[in-house]
Amino acid sequence: MKQYTTLKDVAKLAGTTAATVSYVLNDKQDRYISEETRRKVLEAAEKLEYVKSIGASSLKGKSRKLIGILVPQFENQFFTRIVVASEEVFVKHGYDLIICNTWDNPEREKAILNRLIQQRVDGIILTPTRNGTENTKLLRKVGMNMVVVDRPLPGVKDYFWVATNNYGCGYIGTQYLISKGHTHIGYIGWNSDIQDLQARRRAVMEAVDSNSIPIENLHIVEGGFSADEGYRLTQKLLTEHPDISVIFYGFNVQALGGVKYLHDQNIQIPKDLSVLIIGSPEWIMAGNNCFTHLDMNDLELGKKAANLLLDQIQKGEEIPFQHIIQDCSLVEGTSVRDNF
């Protein structure tokens, strides 16, 4: 049951009335309020982490039929497909969505979450930024219905989390490449400080080691999260290590730029160079493209997240916290050749 701080709570701590608290917090100036009273109200509101309710006063105790969804990258089809799958579930149950792009900016994330609390939404689906643990502190304190998707909240034990096995994606992909005879491997990744995403790189390294392939045969380059960066990193990797037989792209947005670089250089896939990609955006299997890839089953993630949030809304405290980690699926295309 969500427990928001009320005007009465602030008034009690400040030793004044709810009307005075409302007057101060709305920064009205048409009547006299002593500076001492104003200070006590502001300090009490801060201590109690009071968040103003916008337009919800007439809906006390009632569902607003409104869900907030925060994703970090609209340009990444992995997240847009999660939104599409979630929306399909919510629409069937009469809910409307507020969909926001945080741009992976912690400050923007914090501001959006604050606005959603003010709107008293029924629940939130969130893929957090690197500051997600801190930014969701108030949501967890008041008992906001929430499901975290893809990335975890480090240091937090009790919350609902639905994610892909990132380590598994990296390990399964590398094992597949080795089974195809590739022992000189290039890996292109995102230098994110999100620990769970770094598991992909760690899995690649450990898969190489477990197959007794010299670690110097593995070449890793990382950079920003964009197609342009993928283009640049692919150029860098092939310039510095022309002996590699395959590039393993850890993120499909970078892969889009990387594939463009290969096309611009007339490097034929897989004749001249094999390619493996984590992710399943539409372009991977469109037109003449038929890339071998790791499908992270994003549509299923979206459905699971939506249904888990609905369970919280409908059943409340009866639902125990859950961490649901689903495996990825290897989809064979024509972009990885045998290299024996």
C-alpha atoms as a PDB file:
ATOM      1  CA  MET A   1       0.000   0.000   0.000  1.00  0.00           C
ATOM      2  CA  LYS A   2       1.532   3.294  -1.085  1.00  0.00           C
ATOM      3  CA  GLN A   3       2.127   5.641   1.853  1.00  0.00           C
ATOM      4  CA  TYR A   4       2.661   9.181   0.604  1.00  0.00           C
ATOM      5  CA  THR A   5       3.468  11.982   3.027  1.00  0.00           C
ATOM      6  CA  THR A   6       0.436  14.276   3.335  1.00  0.00           C
ATOM      7  CA  LEU A   7       0.022  17.972   4.102  1.00  0.00           C
ATOM      8  CA  LYS A   8      -1.261  16.937   7.533  1.00  0.00           C
ATOM      9  CA  ASP A   9       1.950  14.975   8.170  1.00  0.00           C
ATOM     10  CA  VAL A  10       4.071  18.011   7.330  1.00  0.00           C
ATOM     11  CA  ALA A  11       1.818  20.288   9.406  1.00  0.00           C
ATOM     12  CA  LYS A  12       2.097  18.025  12.438  1.00  0.00           C
ATOM     13  CA  LEU A  13       5.897  18.009  12.316  1.00  0.00           C
ATOM     14  CA  ALA A  14       6.076  21.766  11.664  1.00  0.00           C
ATOM     15  CA  GLY A  15       3.583  22.565  14.410  1.00  0.00           C
ATOM     16  CA  THR A  16       1.152  24.408  12.166  1.00  0.00           C
ATOM     17  CA  THR A  17      -1.939  23.791  10.026  1.00  0.00           C
ATOM     18  CA  ALA A  18      -2.314  21.962   6.723  1.00  0.00           C
ATOM     19  CA  ALA A  19      -3.615  25.188   5.167  1.00  0.00           C
ATOM     20  CA  THR A  20      -0.426  27.015   6.166  1.00  0.00           C
ATOM     21  CA  VAL A  21       1.699  24.176   4.806  1.00  0.00           C
ATOM     22  CA  SER A  22      -0.163  24.325   1.492  1.00  0.00           C
ATOM     23  CA  TYR A  23       0.293  28.105   1.371  1.00  0.00           C
ATOM     24  CA  VAL A  24       4.053  27.874   1.989  1.00  0.00           C
ATOM     25  CA  LEU A  25       4.722  24.949  -0.350  1.00  0.00           C
ATOM     26  CA  ASN A  26       2.815  26.659  -3.152  1.00  0.00           C
ATOM     27  CA  ASP A  27       4.979  29.748  -2.573  1.00  0.00           C
ATOM     28  CA  LYS A  28       2.039  32.108  -2.181  1.00  0.00           C
ATOM     29  CA  GLN A  29       2.733  35.671  -1.055  1.00  0.00           C
ATOM     30  CA  ASP A  30      -0.681  37.319  -0.543  1.00  0.00           C
ATOM     31  CA  ARG A  31      -0.752  36.943   3.233  1.00  0.00           C
ATOM     32  CA  TYR A  32       1.838  37.162   5.965  1.00  0.00           C
ATOM     33  CA  ILE A  33       3.695  34.022   7.097  1.00  0.00           C
ATOM     34  CA  SER A  34       6.565  34.460   9.514  1.00  0.00           C
ATOM     35  CA  GLU A  35       9.995  33.419   8.324  1.00  0.00           C
ATOM     36  CA  GLU A  36      10.211  31.042  11.293  1.00  0.00           C
ATOM     37  CA  THR A  37       7.009  29.256  10.274  1.00  0.00           C
ATOM     38  CA  ARG A  38       8.073  29.154   6.647  1.00  0.00           C
ATOM     39  CA  ARG A  39      11.418  27.632   7.649  1.00  0.00           C
ATOM     40  CA  LYS A  40       9.771  24.964   9.833  1.00  0.00           C
ATOM     41  CA  VAL A  41       7.400  23.986   7.020  1.00  0.00           C
ATOM     42  CA  LEU A  42      10.155  23.677   4.433  1.00  0.00           C
ATOM     43  CA  GLU A  43      12.368  21.694   6.794  1.00  0.00           C
ATOM     44  CA  ALA A  44       9.502  19.360   7.708  1.00  0.00           C
ATOM     45  CA  ALA A  45       8.611  18.818   4.043  1.00  0.00           C
ATOM     46  CA  GLU A  46      12.212  18.007   3.228  1.00  0.00           C
ATOM     47  CA  LYS A  47      12.582  15.648   6.191  1.00  0.00           C
ATOM     48  CA  LEU A  48       9.394  13.782   5.334  1.00  0.00           C
ATOM     49  CA  GLU A  49      10.238  13.784   1.605  1.00  0.00           C
ATOM     50  CA  TYR A  50       6.876  15.344   0.784  1.00  0.00           C
ATOM     51  CA  VAL A  51       5.951  15.218  -2.906  1.00  0.00           C
ATOM     52  CA  LYS A  52       3.080  17.358  -4.123  1.00  0.00           C
ATOM     53  CA  SER A  53       0.128  15.579  -5.727  1.00  0.00           C
ATOM     54  CA  ILE A  54      -0.943  17.138  -9.033  1.00  0.00           C
ATOM     55  CA  GLY A  55      -4.559  16.705 -10.070  1.00  0.00           C
ATOM     56  CA  ALA A  56      -5.109  13.636  -7.916  1.00  0.00           C
ATOM     57  CA  SER A  57      -6.976  15.108  -4.929  1.00  0.00           C
ATOM     58  CA  SER A  58     -10.328  13.997  -6.312  1.00  0.00           C
ATOM     59  CA  LEU A  59      -9.070  10.444  -6.794  1.00  0.00           C
ATOM     60  CA  LYS A  60      -8.093   9.572  -3.238  1.00  0.00           C
ATOM     61  CA  GLY A  61      -7.980   5.803  -2.831  1.00  0.00           C
ATOM     62  CA  LYS A  62      -8.824   5.249  -6.485  1.00  0.00           C
ATOM     63  CA  SER A  63      -6.767   3.976  -9.402  1.00  0.00           C
ATOM     64  CA  ARG A  64      -5.876   6.591 -11.990  1.00  0.00           C
ATOM     65  CA  LYS A  65      -5.448   3.882 -14.646  1.00  0.00           C
ATOM     66  CA  LEU A  66      -2.109   5.467 -15.507  1.00  0.00           C
ATOM     67  CA  ILE A  67       1.285   3.769 -15.883  1.00  0.00           C
ATOM     68  CA  GLY A  68       4.686   5.435 -16.282  1.00  0.00           C
ATOM     69  CA  ILE A  69       7.370   3.760 -18.409  1.00  0.00           C
ATOM     70  CA  LEU A  70      10.964   5.045 -18.474  1.00  0.00           C
ATOM     71  CA  VAL A  71      13.466   3.761 -21.009  1.00  0.00           C
ATOM     72  CA  PRO A  72      17.023   5.031 -21.544  1.00  0.00           C
ATOM     73  CA  GLN A  73      17.295   4.893 -25.329  1.00  0.00           C
ATOM     74  CA  PHE A  74      14.420   5.333 -27.781  1.00  0.00           C
ATOM     75  CA  GLU A  75      16.828   4.645 -30.637  1.00  0.00           C
ATOM     76  CA  ASN A  76      17.449   1.138 -29.301  1.00  0.00           C
ATOM     77  CA  GLN A  77      14.721  -1.168 -30.618  1.00  0.00           C
ATOM     78  CA  PHE A  78      15.289  -3.456 -27.634  1.00  0.00           C
ATOM     79  CA  PHE A  79      13.589  -0.857 -25.448  1.00  0.00           C
ATOM     80  CA  THR A  80      10.931   0.278 -27.912  1.00  0.00           C
ATOM     81  CA  ARG A  81       9.835  -3.347 -28.321  1.00  0.00           C
ATOM     82  CA  ILE A  82       9.603  -3.705 -24.538  1.00  0.00           C
ATOM     83  CA  VAL A  83       7.323  -0.649 -24.520  1.00  0.00           C
ATOM     84  CA  VAL A  84       5.173  -2.048 -27.347  1.00  0.00           C
ATOM     85  CA  ALA A  85       4.759  -5.409 -25.611  1.00  0.00           C
ATOM     86  CA  SER A  86       3.958  -3.753 -22.276  1.00  0.00           C
ATOM     87  CA  GLU A  87       1.436  -1.400 -23.854  1.00  0.00           C
ATOM     88  CA  GLU A  88      -0.420  -4.320 -25.408  1.00  0.00           C
ATOM     89  CA  VAL A  89      -0.942  -5.798 -21.943  1.00  0.00           C
ATOM     90  CA  PHE A  90      -1.933  -2.540 -20.252  1.00  0.00           C
ATOM     91  CA  VAL A  91      -4.390  -1.440 -22.958  1.00  0.00           C
ATOM     92  CA  LYS A  92      -6.325  -4.690 -22.505  1.00  0.00           C
ATOM     93  CA  HIS A  93      -6.798  -3.741 -18.854  1.00  0.00           C
ATOM     94  CA  GLY A  94      -7.841  -0.142 -19.532  1.00  0.00           C
ATOM     95  CA  TYR A  95      -4.586   1.634 -18.606  1.00  0.00           C
ATOM     96  CA  ASP A  96      -2.994   4.607 -20.356  1.00  0.00           C
ATOM     97  CA  LEU A  97       0.783   5.084 -20.508  1.00  0.00           C
ATOM     98  CA  ILE A  98       3.191   7.952 -19.937  1.00  0.00           C
ATOM     99  CA  ILE A  99       6.295   6.943 -21.908  1.00  0.00           C
ATOM    100  CA  CYS A 100       9.536   8.825 -21.247  1.00  0.00           C
ATOM    101  CA  ASN A 101      13.080   8.691 -22.590  1.00  0.00           C
ATOM    102  CA  THR A 102      15.685   9.383 -19.888  1.00  0.00           C
ATOM    103  CA  TRP A 103      18.538   9.496 -22.439  1.00  0.00           C
ATOM    104  CA  ASP A 104      20.502   7.566 -19.773  1.00  0.00           C
ATOM    105  CA  ASN A 105      20.767  10.871 -17.885  1.00  0.00           C
ATOM    106  CA  PRO A 106      20.461  10.376 -14.101  1.00  0.00           C
ATOM    107  CA  GLU A 107      19.229  13.929 -13.472  1.00  0.00           C
ATOM    108  CA  ARG A 108      16.537  13.617 -16.118  1.00  0.00           C
ATOM    109  CA  GLU A 109      15.529  10.259 -14.669  1.00  0.00           C
ATOM    110  CA  LYS A 110      15.197  11.777 -11.202  1.00  0.00           C
ATOM    111  CA  ALA A 111      13.051  14.655 -12.493  1.00  0.00           C
ATOM    112  CA  ILE A 112      10.736  12.345 -14.448  1.00  0.00           C
ATOM    113  CA  LEU A 113      10.251  10.005 -11.494  1.00  0.00           C
ATOM    114  CA  ASN A 114       9.375  12.987  -9.289  1.00  0.00           C
ATOM    115  CA  ARG A 115       6.744  14.132 -11.782  1.00  0.00           C
ATOM    116  CA  LEU A 116       5.256  10.635 -11.972  1.00  0.00           C
ATOM    117  CA  ILE A 117       4.954  10.510  -8.189  1.00  0.00           C
ATOM    118  CA  GLN A 118       3.220  13.900  -8.296  1.00  0.00           C
ATOM    119  CA  GLN A 119       0.805  12.460 -10.844  1.00  0.00           C
ATOM    120  CA  ARG A 120       0.163   9.534  -8.454  1.00  0.00           C
ATOM    121  CA  VAL A 121       0.475   6.993 -11.266  1.00  0.00           C
ATOM    122  CA  ASP A 122      -0.600   3.453 -10.425  1.00  0.00           C
ATOM    123  CA  GLY A 123       2.805   2.000 -11.230  1.00  0.00           C
ATOM    124  CA  ILE A 124       6.123   2.450 -12.998  1.00  0.00           C
ATOM    125  CA  ILE A 125       8.238   0.306 -15.315  1.00  0.00           C
ATOM    126  CA  LEU A 126      11.817   1.515 -15.345  1.00  0.00           C
ATOM    127  CA  THR A 127      15.149   0.705 -16.952  1.00  0.00           C
ATOM    128  CA  PRO A 128      17.407   2.642 -14.574  1.00  0.00           C
ATOM    129  CA  THR A 129      20.401   4.850 -15.239  1.00  0.00           C
ATOM    130  CA  ARG A 130      23.632   4.367 -13.279  1.00  0.00           C
ATOM    131  CA  ASN A 131      22.025   6.326 -10.406  1.00  0.00           C
ATOM    132  CA  GLY A 132      18.877   4.234 -10.411  1.00  0.00           C
ATOM    133  CA  THR A 133      19.321   2.989  -6.858  1.00  0.00           C
ATOM    134  CA  GLU A 134      19.398   6.518  -5.444  1.00  0.00           C
ATOM    135  CA  ASN A 135      16.756   7.895  -7.804  1.00  0.00           C
ATOM    136  CA  THR A 136      14.207   5.201  -6.887  1.00  0.00           C
ATOM    137  CA  LYS A 137      14.743   5.568  -3.137  1.00  0.00           C
ATOM    138  CA  LEU A 138      11.567   7.588  -2.605  1.00  0.00           C
ATOM    139  CA  LEU A 139       9.512   5.241  -4.812  1.00  0.00           C
ATOM    140  CA  ARG A 140      10.607   2.286  -2.721  1.00  0.00           C
ATOM    141  CA  LYS A 141       9.985   4.180   0.501  1.00  0.00           C
ATOM    142  CA  VAL A 142       6.361   5.007  -0.317  1.00  0.00           C
ATOM    143  CA  GLY A 143       5.719   1.555  -1.778  1.00  0.00           C
ATOM    144  CA  MET A 144       5.168   2.645  -5.372  1.00  0.00           C
ATOM    145  CA  ASN A 145       4.274  -0.317  -7.603  1.00  0.00           C
ATOM    146  CA  MET A 146       7.399  -0.720  -9.727  1.00  0.00           C
ATOM    147  CA  VAL A 147       9.108  -3.221 -12.017  1.00  0.00           C
ATOM    148  CA  VAL A 148      12.738  -2.727 -13.015  1.00  0.00           C
ATOM    149  CA  VAL A 149      13.621  -4.012 -16.491  1.00  0.00           C
ATOM    150  CA  ASP A 150      16.991  -5.099 -17.893  1.00  0.00           C
ATOM    151  CA  ARG A 151      19.364  -3.332 -15.491  1.00  0.00           C
ATOM    152  CA  PRO A 152      19.397  -3.988 -11.727  1.00  0.00           C
ATOM    153  CA  LEU A 153      19.365  -1.648  -8.738  1.00  0.00           C
ATOM    154  CA  PRO A 154      22.784  -2.318  -7.147  1.00  0.00           C
ATOM    155  CA  GLY A 155      22.647  -2.655  -3.385  1.00  0.00           C
ATOM    156  CA  VAL A 156      18.874  -3.228  -3.285  1.00  0.00           C
ATOM    157  CA  LYS A 157      17.550  -6.684  -2.456  1.00  0.00           C
ATOM    158  CA  ASP A 158      13.778  -6.340  -2.389  1.00  0.00           C
ATOM    159  CA  TYR A 159      12.288  -5.191  -5.681  1.00  0.00           C
ATOM    160  CA  PHE A 160      10.711  -6.630  -8.812  1.00  0.00           C
ATOM    161  CA  TRP A 161      13.232  -7.157 -11.604  1.00  0.00           C
ATOM    162  CA  VAL A 162      12.843  -8.673 -15.075  1.00  0.00           C
ATOM    163  CA  ALA A 163      15.990  -9.005 -17.181  1.00  0.00           C
ATOM    164  CA  THR A 164      17.936 -10.884 -19.808  1.00  0.00           C
ATOM    165  CA  ASN A 165      20.936 -12.932 -18.741  1.00  0.00           C
ATOM    166  CA  ASN A 166      23.611 -10.564 -20.049  1.00  0.00           C
ATOM    167  CA  TYR A 167      26.438 -12.883 -19.043  1.00  0.00           C
ATOM    168  CA  GLY A 168      24.707 -15.721 -20.853  1.00  0.00           C
ATOM    169  CA  CYS A 169      24.441 -13.689 -24.060  1.00  0.00           C
ATOM    170  CA  GLY A 170      28.194 -13.072 -24.085  1.00  0.00           C
ATOM    171  CA  TYR A 171      29.117 -16.623 -23.156  1.00  0.00           C
ATOM    172  CA  ILE A 172      26.742 -18.399 -25.555  1.00  0.00           C
ATOM    173  CA  GLY A 173      27.836 -16.162 -28.408  1.00  0.00           C
ATOM    174  CA  THR A 174      31.537 -16.707 -27.810  1.00  0.00           C
ATOM    175  CA  GLN A 175      31.115 -20.462 -27.415  1.00  0.00           C
ATOM    176  CA  TYR A 176      29.276 -20.510 -30.735  1.00  0.00           C
ATOM    177  CA  LEU A 177      32.076 -18.621 -32.500  1.00  0.00           C
ATOM    178  CA  ILE A 178      34.695 -20.962 -31.091  1.00  0.00           C
ATOM    179  CA  SER A 179      32.634 -23.976 -32.186  1.00  0.00           C
ATOM    180  CA  LYS A 180      32.768 -22.525 -35.716  1.00  0.00           C
ATOM    181  CA  GLY A 181      36.583 -22.437 -35.585  1.00  0.00           C
ATOM    182  CA  HIS A 182      37.121 -18.771 -34.734  1.00  0.00           C
ATOM    183  CA  THR A 183      40.108 -18.302 -32.428  1.00  0.00           C
ATOM    184  CA  HIS A 184      41.002 -14.695 -33.285  1.00  0.00           C
ATOM    185  CA  ILE A 185      38.025 -12.703 -32.097  1.00  0.00           C
ATOM    186  CA  GLY A 186      37.258  -8.985 -31.920  1.00  0.00           C
ATOM    187  CA  TYR A 187      34.668  -7.715 -29.449  1.00  0.00           C
ATOM    188  CA  ILE A 188      33.102  -4.253 -29.639  1.00  0.00           C
ATOM    189  CA  GLY A 189      31.248  -2.989 -26.583  1.00  0.00           C
ATOM    190  CA  TRP A 190      29.909  -0.002 -24.702  1.00  0.00           C
ATOM    191  CA  ASN A 191      32.145   1.454 -21.994  1.00  0.00           C
ATOM    192  CA  SER A 192      29.176   1.879 -19.672  1.00  0.00           C
ATOM    193  CA  ASP A 193      29.628   1.951 -15.916  1.00  0.00           C
ATOM    194  CA  ILE A 194      26.478  -0.162 -15.524  1.00  0.00           C
ATOM    195  CA  GLN A 195      27.842  -3.319 -13.943  1.00  0.00           C
ATOM    196  CA  ASP A 196      25.305  -5.778 -15.312  1.00  0.00           C
ATOM    197  CA  LEU A 197      26.060  -4.733 -18.882  1.00  0.00           C
ATOM    198  CA  GLN A 198      29.776  -5.275 -18.297  1.00  0.00           C
ATOM    199  CA  ALA A 199      28.905  -8.941 -17.764  1.00  0.00           C
ATOM    200  CA  ARG A 200      28.797  -9.388 -21.547  1.00  0.00           C
ATOM    201  CA  ARG A 201      32.460  -8.480 -21.908  1.00  0.00           C
ATOM    202  CA  ARG A 202      33.427 -10.585 -18.893  1.00  0.00           C
ATOM    203  CA  ALA A 203      31.614 -13.590 -20.357  1.00  0.00           C
ATOM    204  CA  VAL A 204      33.485 -13.251 -23.657  1.00  0.00           C
ATOM    205  CA  MET A 205      36.803 -13.228 -21.831  1.00  0.00           C
ATOM    206  CA  GLU A 206      35.924 -16.216 -19.656  1.00  0.00           C
ATOM    207  CA  ALA A 207      34.606 -18.243 -22.590  1.00  0.00           C
ATOM    208  CA  VAL A 208      37.880 -17.664 -24.447  1.00  0.00           C
ATOM    209  CA  ASP A 209      39.857 -18.683 -21.369  1.00  0.00           C
ATOM    210  CA  SER A 210      37.784 -21.827 -20.722  1.00  0.00           C
ATOM    211  CA  ASN A 211      38.526 -23.021 -24.255  1.00  0.00           C
ATOM    212  CA  SER A 212      42.298 -22.582 -23.752  1.00  0.00           C
ATOM    213  CA  ILE A 213      42.518 -19.880 -26.406  1.00  0.00           C
ATOM    214  CA  PRO A 214      45.356 -17.413 -25.705  1.00  0.00           C
ATOM    215  CA  ILE A 215      43.850 -14.221 -24.281  1.00  0.00           C
ATOM    216  CA  GLU A 216      45.996 -12.188 -26.646  1.00  0.00           C
ATOM    217  CA  ASN A 217      43.858 -13.641 -29.467  1.00  0.00           C
ATOM    218  CA  LEU A 218      40.907 -11.687 -28.093  1.00  0.00           C
ATOM    219  CA  HIS A 219      40.813  -7.989 -28.926  1.00  0.00           C
ATOM    220  CA  ILE A 220      38.321  -5.759 -27.122  1.00  0.00           C
ATOM    221  CA  VAL A 221      37.520  -2.148 -27.965  1.00  0.00           C
ATOM    222  CA  GLU A 222      34.825  -0.124 -26.245  1.00  0.00           C
ATOM    223  CA  GLY A 223      33.342   3.316 -26.666  1.00  0.00           C
ATOM    224  CA  GLY A 224      30.122   5.292 -26.636  1.00  0.00           C
ATOM    225  CA  PHE A 225      26.640   4.008 -27.313  1.00  0.00           C
ATOM    226  CA  SER A 226      25.805   5.086 -30.855  1.00  0.00           C
ATOM    227  CA  ALA A 227      25.979   3.923 -34.455  1.00  0.00           C
ATOM    228  CA  ASP A 228      28.700   6.495 -35.141  1.00  0.00           C
ATOM    229  CA  GLU A 229      30.779   5.005 -32.334  1.00  0.00           C
ATOM    230  CA  GLY A 230      30.195   1.549 -33.773  1.00  0.00           C
ATOM    231  CA  TYR A 231      31.549   2.795 -37.101  1.00  0.00           C
ATOM    232  CA  ARG A 232      34.618   4.306 -35.436  1.00  0.00           C
ATOM    233  CA  LEU A 233      35.326   1.327 -33.199  1.00  0.00           C
ATOM    234  CA  THR A 234      35.054  -1.106 -36.102  1.00  0.00           C
ATOM    235  CA  GLN A 235      37.582   0.933 -38.058  1.00  0.00           C
ATOM    236  CA  LYS A 236      39.896   1.021 -35.036  1.00  0.00           C
ATOM    237  CA  LEU A 237      39.616  -2.705 -34.378  1.00  0.00           C
ATOM    238  CA  LEU A 238      40.338  -3.766 -37.950  1.00  0.00           C
ATOM    239  CA  THR A 239      43.158  -1.246 -38.353  1.00  0.00           C
ATOM    240  CA  GLU A 240      44.923  -2.458 -35.211  1.00  0.00           C
ATOM    241  CA  HIS A 241      44.080  -6.171 -35.543  1.00  0.00           C
ATOM    242  CA  PRO A 242      43.577  -7.138 -39.193  1.00  0.00           C
ATOM    243  CA  ASP A 243      44.099 -10.821 -38.338  1.00  0.00           C
ATOM    244  CA  ILE A 244      40.733 -11.281 -36.586  1.00  0.00           C
ATOM    245  CA  SER A 245      38.228 -13.529 -38.369  1.00  0.00           C
ATOM    246  CA  VAL A 246      35.069 -12.301 -36.610  1.00  0.00           C
ATOM    247  CA  ILE A 247      33.626  -9.282 -34.855  1.00  0.00           C
ATOM    248  CA  PHE A 248      31.251  -9.873 -31.955  1.00  0.00           C
ATOM    249  CA  TYR A 249      29.110  -6.782 -31.364  1.00  0.00           C
ATOM    250  CA  GLY A 250      27.886  -6.594 -27.784  1.00  0.00           C
ATOM    251  CA  PHE A 251      25.205  -3.970 -28.596  1.00  0.00           C
ATOM    252  CA  ASN A 252      23.045  -3.746 -31.709  1.00  0.00           C
ATOM    253  CA  VAL A 253      23.141   0.064 -31.952  1.00  0.00           C
ATOM    254  CA  GLN A 254      26.936  -0.033 -32.320  1.00  0.00           C
ATOM    255  CA  ALA A 255      26.570  -2.951 -34.729  1.00  0.00           C
ATOM    256  CA  LEU A 256      24.477  -0.794 -37.062  1.00  0.00           C
ATOM    257  CA  GLY A 257      27.381   1.635 -37.506  1.00  0.00           C
ATOM    258  CA  GLY A 258      29.913  -1.166 -37.664  1.00  0.00           C
ATOM    259  CA  VAL A 259      28.108  -2.933 -40.470  1.00  0.00           C
ATOM    260  CA  LYS A 260      27.978   0.341 -42.387  1.00  0.00           C
ATOM    261  CA  TYR A 261      31.761   0.654 -42.050  1.00  0.00           C
ATOM    262  CA  LEU A 262      32.235  -2.869 -43.403  1.00  0.00           C
ATOM    263  CA  HIS A 263      29.973  -2.027 -46.341  1.00  0.00           C
ATOM    264  CA  ASP A 264      31.846   1.207 -47.036  1.00  0.00           C
ATOM    265  CA  GLN A 265      35.135  -0.698 -47.087  1.00  0.00           C
ATOM    266  CA  ASN A 266      33.737  -3.426 -49.377  1.00  0.00           C
ATOM    267  CA  ILE A 267      34.385  -6.032 -46.692  1.00  0.00           C
ATOM    268  CA  GLN A 268      32.092  -8.929 -47.503  1.00  0.00           C
ATOM    269  CA  ILE A 269      30.210 -10.723 -44.726  1.00  0.00           C
ATOM    270  CA  PRO A 270      30.964 -13.564 -44.036  1.00  0.00           C
ATOM    271  CA  LYS A 271      33.451 -14.197 -46.835  1.00  0.00           C
ATOM    272  CA  ASP A 272      35.999 -11.670 -45.597  1.00  0.00           C
ATOM    273  CA  LEU A 273      34.822 -11.298 -42.013  1.00  0.00           C
ATOM    274  CA  SER A 274      32.199 -12.987 -39.848  1.00  0.00           C
ATOM    275  CA  VAL A 275      29.815 -10.953 -37.683  1.00  0.00           C
ATOM    276  CA  LEU A 276      27.790 -11.865 -34.577  1.00  0.00           C
ATOM    277  CA  ILE A 277      25.441  -9.432 -32.819  1.00  0.00           C
ATOM    278  CA  ILE A 278      23.677  -9.290 -29.455  1.00  0.00           C
ATOM    279  CA  GLY A 279      20.167  -7.995 -30.064  1.00  0.00           C
ATOM    280  CA  SER A 280      17.448  -8.424 -32.659  1.00  0.00           C
ATOM    281  CA  PRO A 281      16.435  -5.096 -34.250  1.00  0.00           C
ATOM    282  CA  GLU A 282      14.408  -5.359 -37.442  1.00  0.00           C
ATOM    283  CA  TRP A 283      17.315  -4.502 -39.742  1.00  0.00           C
ATOM    284  CA  ILE A 284      19.225  -7.647 -38.735  1.00  0.00           C
ATOM    285  CA  MET A 285      16.905  -9.846 -40.798  1.00  0.00           C
ATOM    286  CA  ALA A 286      15.620  -7.273 -43.311  1.00  0.00           C
ATOM    287  CA  GLY A 287      16.284  -7.253 -47.060  1.00  0.00           C
ATOM    288  CA  ASN A 288      19.501  -9.101 -47.837  1.00  0.00           C
ATOM    289  CA  ASN A 289      20.557  -9.080 -44.193  1.00  0.00           C
ATOM    290  CA  CYS A 290      20.596 -12.372 -42.361  1.00  0.00           C
ATOM    291  CA  PHE A 291      22.802 -11.869 -39.332  1.00  0.00           C
ATOM    292  CA  THR A 292      23.483 -14.519 -36.753  1.00  0.00           C
ATOM    293  CA  HIS A 293      22.478 -12.933 -33.468  1.00  0.00           C
ATOM    294  CA  LEU A 294      21.515 -13.411 -29.837  1.00  0.00           C
ATOM    295  CA  ASP A 295      17.808 -12.681 -29.426  1.00  0.00           C
ATOM    296  CA  MET A 296      17.217 -11.210 -25.950  1.00  0.00           C
ATOM    297  CA  ASN A 297      13.477 -11.942 -26.255  1.00  0.00           C
ATOM    298  CA  ASP A 298      12.562  -8.309 -25.629  1.00  0.00           C
ATOM    299  CA  LEU A 299       8.858  -8.758 -26.361  1.00  0.00           C
ATOM    300  CA  GLU A 300       8.652 -11.432 -23.687  1.00  0.00           C
ATOM    301  CA  LEU A 301      10.470  -9.133 -21.248  1.00  0.00           C
ATOM    302  CA  GLY A 302       7.897  -6.415 -21.863  1.00  0.00           C
ATOM    303  CA  LYS A 303       4.964  -8.771 -21.326  1.00  0.00           C
ATOM    304  CA  LYS A 304       6.460 -10.203 -18.129  1.00  0.00           C
ATOM    305  CA  ALA A 305       7.146  -6.737 -16.736  1.00  0.00           C
ATOM    306  CA  ALA A 306       3.619  -5.521 -17.501  1.00  0.00           C
ATOM    307  CA  ASN A 307       1.939  -8.567 -15.995  1.00  0.00           C
ATOM    308  CA  LEU A 308       4.127  -8.374 -12.904  1.00  0.00           C
ATOM    309  CA  LEU A 309       3.179  -4.716 -12.408  1.00  0.00           C
ATOM    310  CA  LEU A 310      -0.514  -5.511 -12.885  1.00  0.00           C
ATOM    311  CA  ASP A 311      -0.237  -8.218 -10.230  1.00  0.00           C
ATOM    312  CA  GLN A 312       1.148  -5.653  -7.798  1.00  0.00           C
ATOM    313  CA  ILE A 313      -1.611  -3.160  -8.568  1.00  0.00           C
ATOM    314  CA  GLN A 314      -4.408  -5.710  -8.304  1.00  0.00           C
ATOM    315  CA  LYS A 315      -3.123  -7.817  -5.405  1.00  0.00           C
ATOM    316  CA  GLY A 316      -0.982  -5.354  -3.480  1.00  0.00           C
ATOM    317  CA  GLU A 317       1.155  -6.699  -0.681  1.00  0.00           C
ATOM    318  CA  GLU A 318       0.273 -10.318  -1.442  1.00  0.00           C
ATOM    319  CA  ILE A 319       2.920 -10.446  -4.179  1.00  0.00           C
ATOM    320  CA  PRO A 320       6.450 -11.415  -3.029  1.00  0.00           C
ATOM    321  CA  PHE A 321       9.421  -9.684  -4.638  1.00  0.00           C
ATOM    322  CA  GLN A 322      10.759 -11.505  -7.689  1.00  0.00           C
ATOM    323  CA  HIS A 323      13.887 -11.479  -9.849  1.00  0.00           C
ATOM    324  CA  ILE A 324      13.111 -13.036 -13.237  1.00  0.00           C
ATOM    325  CA  ILE A 325      16.191 -13.594 -15.415  1.00  0.00           C
ATOM    326  CA  GLN A 326      15.514 -15.086 -18.835  1.00  0.00           C
ATOM    327  CA  ASP A 327      18.047 -16.587 -21.213  1.00  0.00           C
ATOM    328  CA  CYS A 328      18.748 -15.302 -24.700  1.00  0.00           C
ATOM    329  CA  SER A 329      18.366 -17.426 -27.840  1.00  0.00           C
ATOM    330  CA  LEU A 330      20.965 -17.951 -30.564  1.00  0.00           C
ATOM    331  CA  VAL A 331      19.456 -17.356 -33.991  1.00  0.00           C
ATOM    332  CA  GLU A 332      21.659 -18.628 -36.814  1.00  0.00           C
ATOM    333  CA  GLY A 333      21.837 -16.558 -39.964  1.00  0.00           C
ATOM    334  CA  THR A 334      24.486 -16.459 -42.677  1.00  0.00           C
ATOM    335  CA  SER A 335      26.927 -13.939 -41.180  1.00  0.00           C
ATOM    336  CA  VAL A 336      29.232 -16.420 -39.423  1.00  0.00           C
ATOM    337  CA  ARG A 337      31.197 -18.866 -41.588  1.00  0.00           C
ATOM    338  CA  ASP A 338      33.130 -21.935 -40.556  1.00  0.00           C
ATOM    339  CA  ASN A 339      36.779 -21.060 -39.979  1.00  0.00           C
ATOM    340  CA  PHE A 340      38.493 -24.447 -39.751  1.00  0.00           C
END
